[in-house]
């Protein structure tokens, strides 16, 4: 299920949030939510490799 807050982010802000979340080692669940939204939008950030193989 996609979070409404994440859904409202622009593509650019979503990608920035993804990279920052990874940089700060935020929770795997949060990063997964961002990754799911990225996939839903068919975006491809640099360094993104199908769920980043965390966990």
Protein backbone atom coordinates (compact mmCIF):
# COMPACT_ATOMS: atom_id res chain seq x y z
CA UNK A 1 0.00 0.00 0.00
CA UNK A 2 1.37 3.38 -1.02
CA UNK A 3 1.58 6.12 1.59
CA UNK A 4 -0.45 9.23 0.69
CA UNK A 5 2.39 11.54 1.73
CA UNK A 6 4.85 9.78 -0.54
CA UNK A 7 2.29 9.76 -3.35
CA UNK A 8 2.08 13.55 -3.22
CA UNK A 9 5.83 14.11 -3.70
CA UNK A 10 7.12 15.29 -7.06
CA UNK A 11 9.27 12.78 -8.94
CA UNK A 12 12.38 14.83 -8.21
CA UNK A 13 11.64 15.11 -4.50
CA UNK A 14 10.82 11.40 -4.31
CA UNK A 15 14.19 10.49 -5.83
CA UNK A 16 16.01 12.93 -3.56
CA UNK A 17 14.21 11.44 -0.56
CA UNK A 18 15.22 7.95 -1.63
CA UNK A 19 18.89 8.86 -1.89
CA UNK A 20 18.85 10.75 1.42
CA UNK A 21 17.08 7.88 3.21
CA UNK A 22 19.76 5.47 1.99
CA UNK A 23 22.54 7.90 2.90
CA UNK A 24 21.15 8.23 6.44
CA UNK A 25 20.50 4.49 6.76
CA UNK A 26 16.85 5.05 7.64
CA UNK A 27 14.59 2.08 8.30
CA UNK A 28 14.36 -0.65 5.68
CA UNK A 29 10.58 -0.36 5.75
CA UNK A 30 10.68 3.36 4.94
CA UNK A 31 13.16 2.85 2.11
CA UNK A 32 11.00 0.02 0.79
CA UNK A 33 7.95 2.32 0.71
CA UNK A 34 9.91 4.85 -1.33
CA UNK A 35 11.17 2.11 -3.65
CA UNK A 36 7.64 0.86 -4.25
CA UNK A 37 6.50 4.36 -5.22
CA UNK A 38 9.52 4.75 -7.51
CA UNK A 39 8.60 1.48 -9.23
CA UNK A 40 4.95 2.50 -9.46
CA UNK A 41 5.99 5.70 -11.27
CA UNK A 42 8.46 3.79 -13.48
CA UNK A 43 11.34 5.97 -12.32
CA UNK A 44 14.94 4.77 -12.19
CA UNK A 45 17.25 6.60 -9.79
CA UNK A 46 21.02 6.21 -10.03
CA UNK A 47 22.12 3.34 -7.82
CA UNK A 48 18.65 1.78 -7.65
CA UNK A 49 18.83 -1.96 -8.27
CA UNK A 50 15.46 -3.61 -7.73
CA UNK A 51 14.82 -3.06 -4.06
CA UNK A 52 18.49 -2.43 -3.30
CA UNK A 53 18.83 -5.94 -1.84
CA UNK A 54 18.57 -4.74 1.79
CA UNK A 55 17.34 -7.08 4.43
